[in-house]
Amino acid sequence: MKKALPVLSMIAAFIFQSCSSKEVSNPASSVNATAQSAAVTATLKSPSPGDYNVQLYVENGDTSTTEFKGYVFTFKANGVLLAKTDSTTFTGKWESGNNGKQLKLDIKGNAALNDVNKNWDVVQITDTQISLKDNQGKFGDKLVFAKI
């Protein structure tokens, strides 16, 4: 027993010495900080300029994405919005409002464009996607653009 006591003392000293308070980390805090940082850099207040397709369009609870097959929407930095289909180009404008919480699309020319011609609530805007919703009506509408 006398021989075991010094060995146990050395092991205990080694364990306490290797776990100083300076080396203890809080993984949950670092994960949260990383997630918050990513969210801040990923969310924008206005669309990133470029060409987009309609990835999803839901009107009154019905998915109507095919209504926009063949369309290319171009969001320009100066607020100009173009919708191209076949050989026709429609010109309108977009405007970010309410500190990035709303996106007004003002473009007309046919039934499909008239459907998206309104003030939308912003769900999220990133460099590659614009996700919008409109809670008017019974079911609410959804519109998602994906950058091409």
C-alpha atoms as a PDB file:
ATOM      1  CA  MET A   1       0.000   0.000   0.000  1.00  0.00           C
ATOM      2  CA  LYS A   2       2.906   2.335   0.758  1.00  0.00           C
ATOM      3  CA  LYS A   3       4.187   1.889  -2.834  1.00  0.00           C
ATOM      4  CA  ALA A   4       0.747   2.538  -4.370  1.00  0.00           C
ATOM      5  CA  LEU A   5       0.198   5.846  -2.540  1.00  0.00           C
ATOM      6  CA  PRO A   6       3.019   7.776  -4.311  1.00  0.00           C
ATOM      7  CA  VAL A   7       1.943   6.388  -7.686  1.00  0.00           C
ATOM      8  CA  LEU A   8      -1.663   7.441  -7.093  1.00  0.00           C
ATOM      9  CA  SER A   9      -0.498  10.875  -5.944  1.00  0.00           C
ATOM     10  CA  MET A  10       1.516  11.332  -9.137  1.00  0.00           C
ATOM     11  CA  ILE A  11      -1.432  10.288 -11.320  1.00  0.00           C
ATOM     12  CA  ALA A  12      -3.780  12.678  -9.498  1.00  0.00           C
ATOM     13  CA  ALA A  13      -1.273  15.550  -9.805  1.00  0.00           C
ATOM     14  CA  PHE A  14      -0.862  14.847 -13.525  1.00  0.00           C
ATOM     15  CA  ILE A  15      -4.635  14.845 -14.108  1.00  0.00           C
ATOM     16  CA  PHE A  16      -5.199  18.121 -12.227  1.00  0.00           C
ATOM     17  CA  GLN A  17      -2.226  19.783 -13.902  1.00  0.00           C
ATOM     18  CA  SER A  18      -3.331  18.832 -17.446  1.00  0.00           C
ATOM     19  CA  CYS A  19      -6.825  20.306 -16.961  1.00  0.00           C
ATOM     20  CA  SER A  20      -6.150  23.957 -16.244  1.00  0.00           C
ATOM     21  CA  SER A  21      -9.022  26.451 -16.506  1.00  0.00           C
ATOM     22  CA  LYS A  22      -7.291  28.187 -19.434  1.00  0.00           C
ATOM     23  CA  GLU A  23      -7.635  25.119 -21.615  1.00  0.00           C
ATOM     24  CA  VAL A  24     -11.302  24.408 -20.926  1.00  0.00           C
ATOM     25  CA  SER A  25     -13.518  25.414 -23.812  1.00  0.00           C
ATOM     26  CA  ASN A  26     -17.238  25.703 -24.224  1.00  0.00           C
ATOM     27  CA  PRO A  27     -18.099  23.872 -27.448  1.00  0.00           C
ATOM     28  CA  ALA A  28     -21.750  24.959 -27.364  1.00  0.00           C
ATOM     29  CA  SER A  29     -20.726  28.630 -27.261  1.00  0.00           C
ATOM     30  CA  SER A  30     -18.313  28.267 -30.154  1.00  0.00           C
ATOM     31  CA  VAL A  31     -20.914  26.403 -32.234  1.00  0.00           C
ATOM     32  CA  ASN A  32     -23.505  29.112 -31.550  1.00  0.00           C
ATOM     33  CA  ALA A  33     -21.040  31.868 -32.392  1.00  0.00           C
ATOM     34  CA  THR A  34     -20.130  30.132 -35.653  1.00  0.00           C
ATOM     35  CA  ALA A  35     -23.793  29.651 -36.595  1.00  0.00           C
ATOM     36  CA  GLN A  36     -24.611  33.282 -35.799  1.00  0.00           C
ATOM     37  CA  SER A  37     -21.637  34.472 -37.822  1.00  0.00           C
ATOM     38  CA  ALA A  38     -22.690  32.356 -40.811  1.00  0.00           C
ATOM     39  CA  ALA A  39     -26.262  33.654 -40.586  1.00  0.00           C
ATOM     40  CA  VAL A  40     -25.068  37.254 -40.532  1.00  0.00           C
ATOM     41  CA  THR A  41     -22.877  36.831 -43.593  1.00  0.00           C
ATOM     42  CA  ALA A  42     -25.417  34.746 -45.538  1.00  0.00           C
ATOM     43  CA  THR A  43     -28.538  36.893 -45.143  1.00  0.00           C
ATOM     44  CA  LEU A  44     -28.821  39.942 -47.395  1.00  0.00           C
ATOM     45  CA  LYS A  45     -31.284  42.844 -47.435  1.00  0.00           C
ATOM     46  CA  SER A  46     -31.623  42.912 -51.212  1.00  0.00           C
ATOM     47  CA  PRO A  47     -31.139  40.469 -54.082  1.00  0.00           C
ATOM     48  CA  SER A  48     -27.657  39.748 -55.338  1.00  0.00           C
ATOM     49  CA  PRO A  49     -27.483  41.015 -58.950  1.00  0.00           C
ATOM     50  CA  GLY A  50     -27.745  38.282 -61.567  1.00  0.00           C
ATOM     51  CA  ASP A  51     -29.979  35.811 -63.357  1.00  0.00           C
ATOM     52  CA  TYR A  52     -32.510  33.656 -61.516  1.00  0.00           C
ATOM     53  CA  ASN A  53     -35.062  30.936 -62.271  1.00  0.00           C
ATOM     54  CA  VAL A  54     -38.237  30.363 -60.305  1.00  0.00           C
ATOM     55  CA  GLN A  55     -37.515  27.339 -58.140  1.00  0.00           C
ATOM     56  CA  LEU A  56     -40.917  27.332 -56.414  1.00  0.00           C
ATOM     57  CA  TYR A  57     -44.158  29.228 -56.865  1.00  0.00           C
ATOM     58  CA  VAL A  58     -47.187  28.399 -54.710  1.00  0.00           C
ATOM     59  CA  GLU A  59     -50.400  30.319 -55.279  1.00  0.00           C
ATOM     60  CA  ASN A  60     -53.370  29.840 -52.943  1.00  0.00           C
ATOM     61  CA  GLY A  61     -51.900  26.571 -51.699  1.00  0.00           C
ATOM     62  CA  ASP A  62     -51.340  25.123 -55.196  1.00  0.00           C
ATOM     63  CA  THR A  63     -47.845  24.645 -56.609  1.00  0.00           C
ATOM     64  CA  SER A  64     -47.732  26.518 -59.924  1.00  0.00           C
ATOM     65  CA  THR A  65     -43.969  26.553 -60.572  1.00  0.00           C
ATOM     66  CA  THR A  66     -44.430  25.352 -64.171  1.00  0.00           C
ATOM     67  CA  GLU A  67     -46.088  28.694 -64.933  1.00  0.00           C
ATOM     68  CA  PHE A  68     -42.526  30.123 -64.991  1.00  0.00           C
ATOM     69  CA  LYS A  69     -40.828  27.401 -67.031  1.00  0.00           C
ATOM     70  CA  GLY A  70     -38.426  29.041 -69.482  1.00  0.00           C
ATOM     71  CA  TYR A  71     -38.331  32.379 -67.640  1.00  0.00           C
ATOM     72  CA  VAL A  72     -35.077  34.026 -66.636  1.00  0.00           C
ATOM     73  CA  PHE A  73     -35.407  36.867 -64.143  1.00  0.00           C
ATOM     74  CA  THR A  74     -32.541  39.344 -63.970  1.00  0.00           C
ATOM     75  CA  PHE A  75     -32.173  41.418 -60.819  1.00  0.00           C
ATOM     76  CA  LYS A  76     -29.912  44.406 -61.472  1.00  0.00           C
ATOM     77  CA  ALA A  77     -28.160  46.404 -58.757  1.00  0.00           C
ATOM     78  CA  ASN A  78     -29.956  49.604 -59.803  1.00  0.00           C
ATOM     79  CA  GLY A  79     -33.425  48.134 -59.084  1.00  0.00           C
ATOM     80  CA  VAL A  80     -34.251  47.076 -62.638  1.00  0.00           C
ATOM     81  CA  LEU A  81     -35.987  43.708 -62.987  1.00  0.00           C
ATOM     82  CA  LEU A  82     -36.075  41.884 -66.315  1.00  0.00           C
ATOM     83  CA  ALA A  83     -38.156  38.803 -67.109  1.00  0.00           C
ATOM     84  CA  LYS A  84     -37.132  37.002 -70.292  1.00  0.00           C
ATOM     85  CA  THR A  85     -39.048  34.191 -71.913  1.00  0.00           C
ATOM     86  CA  ASP A  86     -38.555  32.947 -75.470  1.00  0.00           C
ATOM     87  CA  SER A  87     -37.905  36.111 -77.496  1.00  0.00           C
ATOM     88  CA  THR A  88     -39.822  38.486 -75.207  1.00  0.00           C
ATOM     89  CA  THR A  89     -38.291  40.632 -72.466  1.00  0.00           C
ATOM     90  CA  PHE A  90     -40.455  42.387 -69.894  1.00  0.00           C
ATOM     91  CA  THR A  91     -38.986  45.267 -67.910  1.00  0.00           C
ATOM     92  CA  GLY A  92     -39.974  46.239 -64.396  1.00  0.00           C
ATOM     93  CA  LYS A  93     -38.344  47.124 -61.128  1.00  0.00           C
ATOM     94  CA  TRP A  94     -37.686  45.730 -57.695  1.00  0.00           C
ATOM     95  CA  GLU A  95     -37.365  47.590 -54.430  1.00  0.00           C
ATOM     96  CA  SER A  96     -36.271  46.452 -50.997  1.00  0.00           C
ATOM     97  CA  GLY A  97     -38.224  47.953 -48.100  1.00  0.00           C
ATOM     98  CA  ASN A  98     -38.819  47.817 -44.368  1.00  0.00           C
ATOM     99  CA  ASN A  99     -35.120  47.302 -43.634  1.00  0.00           C
ATOM    100  CA  GLY A 100     -34.886  44.290 -45.949  1.00  0.00           C
ATOM    101  CA  LYS A 101     -38.044  42.601 -44.661  1.00  0.00           C
ATOM    102  CA  GLN A 102     -40.067  43.295 -47.821  1.00  0.00           C
ATOM    103  CA  LEU A 103     -39.350  43.056 -51.529  1.00  0.00           C
ATOM    104  CA  LYS A 104     -41.627  44.828 -53.990  1.00  0.00           C
ATOM    105  CA  LEU A 105     -41.697  43.323 -57.473  1.00  0.00           C
ATOM    106  CA  ASP A 106     -43.243  45.677 -60.011  1.00  0.00           C
ATOM    107  CA  ILE A 107     -43.375  43.885 -63.355  1.00  0.00           C
ATOM    108  CA  LYS A 108     -46.318  43.367 -65.690  1.00  0.00           C
ATOM    109  CA  GLY A 109     -46.963  41.984 -69.131  1.00  0.00           C
ATOM    110  CA  ASN A 110     -48.803  38.683 -68.850  1.00  0.00           C
ATOM    111  CA  ALA A 111     -50.747  36.571 -66.352  1.00  0.00           C
ATOM    112  CA  ALA A 112     -47.647  34.922 -64.855  1.00  0.00           C
ATOM    113  CA  LEU A 113     -45.916  38.247 -64.212  1.00  0.00           C
ATOM    114  CA  ASN A 114     -49.104  39.756 -62.842  1.00  0.00           C
ATOM    115  CA  ASP A 115     -49.084  36.977 -60.214  1.00  0.00           C
ATOM    116  CA  VAL A 116     -45.687  38.026 -58.826  1.00  0.00           C
ATOM    117  CA  ASN A 117     -46.319  41.768 -59.209  1.00  0.00           C
ATOM    118  CA  LYS A 118     -46.779  42.717 -55.528  1.00  0.00           C
ATOM    119  CA  ASN A 119     -45.139  43.443 -52.193  1.00  0.00           C
ATOM    120  CA  TRP A 120     -43.633  40.250 -50.767  1.00  0.00           C
ATOM    121  CA  ASP A 121     -42.444  39.457 -47.256  1.00  0.00           C
ATOM    122  CA  VAL A 122     -38.830  38.321 -47.282  1.00  0.00           C
ATOM    123  CA  VAL A 123     -38.225  34.882 -45.783  1.00  0.00           C
ATOM    124  CA  GLN A 124     -34.529  34.940 -46.675  1.00  0.00           C
ATOM    125  CA  ILE A 125     -32.217  36.422 -49.264  1.00  0.00           C
ATOM    126  CA  THR A 126     -28.769  34.927 -49.830  1.00  0.00           C
ATOM    127  CA  ASP A 127     -26.210  35.195 -52.615  1.00  0.00           C
ATOM    128  CA  THR A 128     -27.905  32.301 -54.423  1.00  0.00           C
ATOM    129  CA  GLN A 129     -31.570  32.369 -53.412  1.00  0.00           C
ATOM    130  CA  ILE A 130     -34.476  34.749 -52.848  1.00  0.00           C
ATOM    131  CA  SER A 131     -37.258  33.255 -50.731  1.00  0.00           C
ATOM    132  CA  LEU A 132     -40.498  35.241 -50.429  1.00  0.00           C
ATOM    133  CA  LYS A 133     -43.997  34.803 -49.032  1.00  0.00           C
ATOM    134  CA  ASP A 134     -47.298  36.654 -49.147  1.00  0.00           C
ATOM    135  CA  ASN A 135     -49.676  35.936 -46.309  1.00  0.00           C
ATOM    136  CA  GLN A 136     -52.684  37.549 -47.969  1.00  0.00           C
ATOM    137  CA  GLY A 137     -55.546  35.236 -48.808  1.00  0.00           C
ATOM    138  CA  LYS A 138     -56.547  31.906 -47.345  1.00  0.00           C
ATOM    139  CA  PHE A 139     -53.342  29.920 -48.001  1.00  0.00           C
ATOM    140  CA  GLY A 140     -50.674  32.513 -48.738  1.00  0.00           C
ATOM    141  CA  ASP A 141     -48.306  32.507 -51.696  1.00  0.00           C
ATOM    142  CA  LYS A 142     -44.630  31.498 -51.846  1.00  0.00           C
ATOM    143  CA  LEU A 143     -42.042  32.483 -54.407  1.00  0.00           C
ATOM    144  CA  VAL A 144     -38.459  31.200 -54.457  1.00  0.00           C
ATOM    145  CA  PHE A 145     -35.862  32.334 -56.998  1.00  0.00           C
ATOM    146  CA  ALA A 146     -32.620  30.363 -57.443  1.00  0.00           C
ATOM    147  CA  LYS A 147     -29.545  31.976 -58.990  1.00  0.00           C
ATOM    148  CA  ILE A 148     -28.337  30.373 -62.218  1.00  0.00           C
END
